[in-house]
Protein backbone atom coordinates (compact mmCIF):
# COMPACT_ATOMS: atom_id res chain seq x y z
CA MET A 1 -0.03 0.29 0.09
CA ARG A 2 2.83 2.14 0.87
CA LEU A 3 4.49 1.92 -3.11
CA LEU A 4 0.96 2.54 -4.03
CA VAL A 5 0.58 5.71 -2.62
CA SER A 6 3.88 6.84 -2.50
CA TYR A 7 5.22 6.20 -6.30
CA VAL A 8 2.39 4.52 -8.21
CA LEU A 9 -0.58 7.08 -7.97
CA PRO A 10 1.73 10.14 -8.17
CA ARG A 11 2.95 8.72 -11.59
CA LEU A 12 -0.48 7.84 -12.51
CA LEU A 13 -1.82 11.45 -11.66
CA GLN A 14 1.50 13.13 -13.63
CA TRP A 15 0.70 10.80 -16.60
CA ALA A 16 -3.06 11.77 -16.40
CA VAL A 17 -2.35 15.50 -16.18
CA VAL A 18 0.33 15.75 -18.94
CA ILE A 19 -2.60 13.54 -21.30
CA VAL A 20 -5.24 16.64 -20.34
CA VAL A 21 -3.16 19.17 -21.01
CA GLY A 22 -2.04 18.05 -24.38
CA VAL A 23 -5.65 16.85 -25.34
CA THR A 24 -6.94 20.23 -24.42
CA VAL A 25 -4.05 22.31 -26.55
CA ALA A 26 -4.47 19.83 -29.04
CA PHE A 27 -8.31 20.60 -29.04
CA ALA A 28 -7.83 24.66 -28.97
CA VAL A 29 -5.56 25.07 -31.66
CA PRO A 30 -7.71 24.34 -34.40
CA ARG A 31 -10.21 26.52 -33.07
CA ILE A 32 -8.18 29.95 -32.88
CA SER A 33 -6.76 29.14 -36.29
CA PRO A 34 -7.41 31.76 -38.82
CA THR A 35 -8.68 29.02 -41.32
CA SER A 36 -11.78 27.26 -41.19
CA PRO A 37 -11.97 23.35 -42.53
CA VAL A 38 -15.19 23.83 -42.59
CA ASP A 39 -15.27 26.84 -45.19
CA GLN A 40 -12.40 24.54 -46.97
CA MET A 41 -14.64 21.49 -47.17
CA LEU A 42 -17.37 23.68 -48.39
CA GLY A 43 -14.76 25.56 -51.23
CA ARG A 44 -13.46 22.22 -52.47
CA MET A 45 -17.24 21.30 -52.63
CA SER A 46 -18.60 23.90 -54.63
CA GLY A 47 -15.40 24.13 -56.69
CA MET A 48 -16.46 20.81 -58.28
CA THR A 49 -20.19 22.00 -59.47
CA ALA A 50 -22.16 24.51 -59.58
CA THR A 51 -24.25 24.70 -55.61
CA ASP A 52 -27.41 25.96 -54.60
CA PRO A 53 -26.97 28.60 -51.67
CA ALA A 54 -29.62 27.17 -49.70
CA ALA A 55 -28.11 23.85 -50.18
CA VAL A 56 -24.54 25.02 -49.13
CA ALA A 57 -26.47 26.52 -45.85
CA GLY A 58 -27.94 23.08 -45.10
CA LEU A 59 -24.13 21.36 -45.59
CA ARG A 60 -22.34 23.72 -43.55
CA SER A 61 -24.75 23.75 -40.77
CA ALA A 62 -24.29 19.26 -41.26
CA ILE A 63 -20.88 19.66 -41.40
CA ILE A 64 -20.83 22.06 -37.89
CA ALA A 65 -22.97 19.71 -36.38
CA MET A 66 -21.10 16.61 -37.62
CA TYR A 67 -18.16 17.85 -36.50
CA GLY A 68 -19.00 18.64 -33.18
CA LEU A 69 -18.39 22.84 -34.02
CA GLN A 70 -21.68 23.89 -32.79
CA GLY A 71 -21.92 25.52 -29.56
CA THR A 72 -20.08 27.54 -26.96
CA PRO A 73 -16.31 26.20 -27.02
CA LEU A 74 -16.77 25.00 -23.36
CA GLU A 75 -19.71 23.18 -24.90
CA GLN A 76 -17.55 21.91 -27.71
CA TYR A 77 -14.74 20.56 -25.25
CA GLY A 78 -17.53 18.77 -23.40
CA ARG A 79 -18.69 16.91 -26.52
CA PHE A 80 -15.16 16.73 -27.58
CA TRP A 81 -13.62 14.49 -24.48
CA GLU A 82 -17.55 13.13 -25.12
CA HIS A 83 -16.61 11.31 -28.12
CA LEU A 84 -12.83 10.76 -27.47
CA LEU A 85 -13.85 8.47 -24.56
CA ARG A 86 -15.54 6.70 -26.81
CA GLY A 87 -12.84 6.28 -29.25
CA ASP A 88 -14.47 8.60 -31.74
CA LEU A 89 -12.55 11.21 -33.42
CA GLY A 90 -15.27 11.73 -36.30
CA PRO A 91 -14.70 11.31 -39.72
CA SER A 92 -11.68 11.82 -42.20
CA LEU A 93 -11.90 15.27 -44.29
CA LEU A 94 -9.79 13.53 -47.03
CA ALA A 95 -10.99 10.28 -47.18
CA PHE A 96 -14.81 11.39 -46.20
CA PRO A 97 -16.57 9.20 -44.66
CA THR A 98 -13.67 7.04 -43.58
CA PRO A 99 -13.31 7.52 -39.46
CA VAL A 100 -9.55 8.64 -38.66
CA THR A 101 -9.37 5.69 -35.93
CA THR A 102 -9.70 3.41 -39.09
CA MET A 103 -7.05 5.46 -41.07
CA ILE A 104 -4.91 5.83 -38.20
CA TRP A 105 -4.94 2.14 -37.49
CA GLN A 106 -4.19 1.13 -40.91
CA ALA A 107 -1.33 3.41 -41.11
CA LEU A 108 0.11 2.09 -37.45
CA PRO A 109 1.61 -1.23 -38.32
CA TRP A 110 3.76 0.24 -40.96
CA THR A 111 5.37 2.95 -38.58
CA ILE A 112 5.72 0.74 -35.86
CA GLY A 113 7.28 -2.07 -38.19
CA LEU A 114 9.61 0.61 -39.79
CA LEU A 115 10.53 3.23 -36.68
CA GLY A 116 10.15 -0.07 -33.73
CA ILE A 117 13.05 -2.27 -35.80
CA SER A 118 15.07 1.03 -36.44
CA THR A 119 14.85 2.40 -33.28
CA ILE A 120 15.81 -0.67 -31.11
CA LEU A 121 17.89 -2.32 -33.60
CA SER A 122 20.08 1.31 -33.70
CA TRP A 123 19.97 1.48 -29.75
CA MET A 124 21.48 -1.67 -29.52
CA LEU A 125 23.83 -0.72 -31.95
CA GLY A 126 24.81 2.34 -30.33
CA VAL A 127 25.37 1.29 -27.01
CA ALA A 128 27.63 -1.63 -27.47
CA LEU A 129 29.95 -0.27 -29.87
CA GLY A 130 29.80 3.08 -27.87
CA THR A 131 30.81 1.31 -24.90
CA LEU A 132 33.36 -0.75 -26.72
CA SER A 133 34.96 2.09 -27.76
CA ALA A 134 35.11 4.22 -25.21
CA TYR A 135 37.00 1.22 -23.18
CA ARG A 136 39.51 0.61 -26.09
CA PRO A 137 39.49 4.93 -27.53
CA ASN A 138 43.23 4.22 -28.99
CA ALA A 139 42.19 1.19 -30.74
CA GLY A 140 42.56 1.65 -34.51
CA TRP A 141 38.75 0.07 -35.09
CA SER A 142 37.86 2.22 -32.14
CA ARG A 143 39.29 5.57 -33.84
CA LEU A 144 37.80 4.55 -37.42
CA LEU A 145 34.37 4.03 -36.14
CA ALA A 146 34.08 7.32 -33.87
CA ASN A 147 35.70 9.03 -36.76
CA GLY A 148 32.89 7.66 -38.77
CA MET A 149 29.75 8.37 -36.48
CA VAL A 150 30.88 11.43 -35.64
CA THR A 151 30.70 12.54 -39.53
CA ILE A 152 27.44 10.82 -40.17
CA GLN A 153 25.44 12.22 -36.87
CA PRO A 154 25.29 15.59 -37.99
CA ILE A 155 23.49 14.52 -41.27
CA PRO A 156 19.92 14.77 -41.25
CA TYR A 157 18.16 11.97 -41.94
CA PHE A 158 15.72 13.08 -44.30
CA ILE A 159 18.88 14.40 -46.39
CA LEU A 160 20.33 10.63 -45.90
CA ALA A 161 17.17 9.29 -46.96
CA LEU A 162 16.91 11.50 -50.10
CA VAL A 163 20.64 10.48 -50.81
CA LEU A 164 19.52 6.61 -50.36
CA VAL A 165 16.24 7.00 -53.04
CA LEU A 166 18.56 8.81 -55.41
CA VAL A 167 21.54 6.24 -55.59
CA PHE A 168 19.33 2.97 -54.73
CA ALA A 169 16.23 3.49 -55.96
CA TYR A 170 17.02 5.26 -58.77
CA TYR A 171 20.43 5.62 -60.59
CA VAL A 172 21.09 1.92 -59.59
CA PRO A 173 17.36 0.60 -58.85
CA LEU A 174 18.23 -2.17 -56.24
CA PHE A 175 15.37 -1.47 -53.61
CA PRO A 176 12.12 0.10 -54.79
CA LEU A 177 11.32 3.62 -55.28
CA VAL A 178 8.13 4.27 -53.22
CA GLY A 179 5.64 1.78 -51.83
CA GLY A 180 5.50 -0.25 -48.13
CA ALA A 181 4.91 -3.97 -50.10
CA SER A 182 3.79 -5.18 -53.23
CA GLY A 183 1.17 -8.10 -54.08
CA PRO A 184 -1.57 -9.06 -52.78
CA PRO A 185 -1.64 -8.65 -48.64
CA GLY A 186 -1.48 -11.95 -46.93
CA LEU A 187 1.09 -13.84 -45.18
CA SER A 188 2.42 -15.50 -48.18
CA LEU A 189 6.26 -15.70 -47.94
CA ASP A 190 6.34 -13.47 -51.34
CA TYR A 191 4.21 -10.44 -49.23
CA LEU A 192 6.26 -10.62 -46.31
CA GLY A 193 9.73 -10.51 -48.43
CA SER A 194 8.13 -7.43 -50.09
CA ILE A 195 7.70 -5.89 -46.99
CA VAL A 196 11.08 -6.04 -45.73
CA TRP A 197 12.30 -5.35 -49.43
CA HIS A 198 10.27 -1.85 -49.39
CA GLY A 199 11.01 -1.00 -45.70
CA PHE A 200 15.06 -1.95 -46.46
CA LEU A 201 16.06 1.65 -46.93
CA PRO A 202 13.80 4.00 -44.70
CA ALA A 203 14.83 1.87 -41.88
CA LEU A 204 18.68 2.21 -43.27
CA SER A 205 18.20 5.93 -43.11
CA LEU A 206 17.01 5.75 -39.61
CA VAL A 207 19.44 3.25 -38.05
CA LEU A 208 22.68 4.92 -39.46
CA VAL A 209 21.42 8.29 -37.82
CA LEU A 210 19.85 6.88 -34.59
CA THR A 211 23.26 4.55 -34.24
CA ALA A 212 25.50 7.68 -34.78
CA PHE A 213 23.93 9.65 -32.09
CA ARG A 214 23.49 7.15 -29.80
CA PHE A 215 26.82 5.60 -30.20
CA ILE A 216 28.31 9.27 -29.29
CA VAL A 217 26.09 9.24 -26.13
CA ALA A 218 26.96 5.92 -25.09
CA ARG A 219 30.64 6.78 -25.88
CA ALA A 220 30.75 10.25 -23.72
CA LEU A 221 28.98 7.96 -20.83
CA ALA A 222 31.09 5.37 -20.46
CA SER A 223 34.63 7.88 -20.59
CA GLY A 224 32.93 8.99 -17.88
CA VAL A 225 32.35 5.73 -15.76
CA LEU A 226 35.76 4.35 -17.20
CA SER A 227 37.33 6.89 -14.79
CA SER A 228 35.65 6.32 -11.57
CA ASP A 229 37.53 4.38 -8.85
CA ALA A 230 35.13 1.24 -9.17
CA VAL A 231 36.65 0.57 -12.14
CA THR A 232 39.99 1.21 -11.70
CA PHE A 233 39.79 -1.24 -8.48
CA ALA A 234 38.12 -3.87 -10.74
CA GLU A 235 40.91 -3.81 -13.72
CA THR A 236 43.77 -3.83 -10.20
CA ALA A 237 41.71 -7.08 -8.89
CA GLY A 238 42.14 -8.84 -12.31
CA ILE A 239 38.32 -8.91 -13.26
CA PRO A 240 37.82 -9.50 -17.04
CA ARG A 241 37.78 -7.28 -19.07
CA ARG A 242 34.35 -8.29 -20.90
CA ARG A 243 32.92 -8.61 -17.23
CA ILE A 244 33.82 -5.15 -16.54
CA VAL A 245 32.36 -3.77 -19.82
CA SER A 246 28.90 -5.60 -19.46
CA ARG A 247 28.60 -5.52 -15.31
CA TYR A 248 30.28 -2.15 -14.55
CA VAL A 249 30.55 0.27 -17.42
CA MET A 250 27.23 -0.34 -19.14
CA ARG A 251 24.61 -0.95 -16.34
CA ASN A 252 25.93 2.39 -14.76
CA THR A 253 25.21 4.09 -18.05
CA MET A 254 21.74 2.62 -18.92
CA LEU A 255 19.51 4.90 -17.26
CA PRO A 256 19.57 7.81 -19.30
CA GLN A 257 19.64 5.35 -22.50
CA ILE A 258 16.59 3.42 -21.29
CA THR A 259 15.07 6.88 -20.82
CA ASP A 260 15.76 7.97 -24.33
CA LEU A 261 14.93 4.80 -25.40
CA GLY A 262 11.68 5.01 -23.88
CA LEU A 263 10.91 8.20 -25.64
CA GLN A 264 12.16 7.32 -28.84
CA ILE A 265 9.28 4.42 -28.85
CA GLY A 266 6.64 6.69 -27.59
CA ALA A 267 7.28 8.74 -30.43
CA MET A 268 6.61 6.15 -32.96
CA PHE A 269 2.85 7.15 -33.27
CA GLU A 270 3.92 10.29 -34.92
CA GLY A 271 5.86 8.54 -37.35
CA ALA A 272 9.24 9.60 -38.97
CA LEU A 273 7.45 12.11 -41.12
CA ILE A 274 10.18 12.94 -43.82
CA THR A 275 11.59 9.66 -44.30
CA GLU A 276 8.01 8.15 -45.28
CA VAL A 277 7.23 11.03 -47.51
CA ALA A 278 10.26 10.60 -49.41
CA PHE A 279 9.87 6.77 -49.43
CA SER A 280 6.24 7.07 -49.64
CA TYR A 281 5.82 4.60 -47.28
CA PRO A 282 2.18 4.36 -46.17
CA GLY A 283 2.84 5.23 -42.31
CA ILE A 284 1.52 7.59 -39.69
CA GLY A 285 4.04 10.16 -40.59
CA TYR A 286 2.53 10.14 -44.59
CA ARG A 287 -0.75 10.01 -43.64
CA LEU A 288 0.38 13.44 -41.59
CA PHE A 289 2.05 14.94 -44.36
CA THR A 290 -0.98 14.54 -46.51
CA ALA A 291 -3.43 15.46 -44.02
CA ILE A 292 -1.73 19.14 -43.67
CA LEU A 293 -1.45 19.76 -47.12
CA GLN A 294 -5.42 19.02 -47.61
CA SER A 295 -6.28 20.48 -44.34
CA ASP A 296 -7.40 17.83 -42.87
CA TYR A 297 -7.74 19.05 -39.14
CA ASN A 298 -9.33 15.96 -37.79
CA LEU A 299 -6.60 13.59 -39.05
CA ILE A 300 -3.96 15.73 -37.82
CA LEU A 301 -5.68 16.02 -34.64
CA GLY A 302 -5.95 12.00 -34.29
CA VAL A 303 -2.38 12.05 -34.99
CA THR A 304 -1.70 14.56 -32.09
CA LEU A 305 -3.73 12.75 -29.86
CA PHE A 306 -1.73 9.27 -30.43
CA SER A 307 1.48 11.41 -30.09
CA ILE A 308 0.41 12.46 -26.81
CA VAL A 309 -1.17 9.17 -25.14
CA GLY A 310 2.46 7.28 -26.77
CA ILE A 311 4.67 9.46 -25.25
CA ALA A 312 3.06 10.19 -21.89
CA THR A 313 2.48 6.78 -21.65
CA ALA A 314 6.29 5.78 -22.68
CA ALA A 315 7.34 8.28 -19.99
CA LEU A 316 4.95 6.20 -17.06
CA LEU A 317 6.85 3.09 -17.83
CA ILE A 318 10.13 4.64 -17.82
CA ASP A 319 9.39 5.53 -13.91
CA PHE A 320 8.35 2.20 -12.89
CA ALA A 321 11.12 0.51 -14.81
CA TYR A 322 14.12 2.88 -13.06
CA PRO A 323 14.66 0.62 -10.30
CA LEU A 324 15.21 -2.55 -12.59
CA PHE A 325 18.18 -1.05 -14.35
CA ASP A 326 19.67 1.30 -11.55
CA PRO A 327 19.77 -0.06 -8.15
CA ARG A 328 20.43 3.55 -6.79
CA VAL A 329 16.80 4.01 -7.74
CA ARG A 330 14.15 2.99 -5.10
CA TYR A 331 10.19 2.87 -5.46
CA GLN A 332 9.96 5.34 -3.05
């Protein structure tokens, strides 16, 4: 009971406050925008065919009622939470009348597959290589690796994505130029292989940059731990180097890196917008980009809400997992 009151409940309350504040801001921003999504939707409709003014007025009233824009801002806010708690984010303006939740759930597996694998793989590689490089800073492979990572890290991942598209999908067409898969969807080996084939270049562009960043951070953290008295005593006592690296150095640098990994995983729900656009990959980022271009406020709001909940939940789980990775942190 003491653990529940002193550790769990305050963090659950903080998680709830973050979500409420984030959702409130996401609700308010489109309503203070100088452009009206209703006017833009009506403009697109009236541009395609001649319409009667009375029909346009009736359509405007129907759209306002459908999107919950009638009444005072406080009444709209109450209806917004009512629909949100039911999982109803309304229809998409871009693919009317398809629900926003359906469009997000269709794109989410692609983003989770791309960003999930890229994030975890780059984190593992960066932590392992950065720690080993810090332990052997004067070795030739360590210097070469450090110089390479320092060169790659400042490159924006979308620039790297464009270079990979031009080189390996256009000039030397080894990989597909666009899309997430080819062939009829299913569990066949051909279709699963096409998913891997289409996702290789987008994943590579993310893994290279994320690994370089994680390598630099892990190397700096490990260098600080290596200068501590505990590591010096362990080396003097003749403890094997492998054990020093895994049990002392890597474990003592893990806490900030676990934090960063958790937040990156939580941010998956907003997608890798530029990478997905560069490769026309059918994930959350590509849907968000299309929604911004078409002023699909419902879809923009839906992706934003998923991102808010994802990052807040990731931070909550990190808080709960801290004592498992660092004995200096206690549930108190």
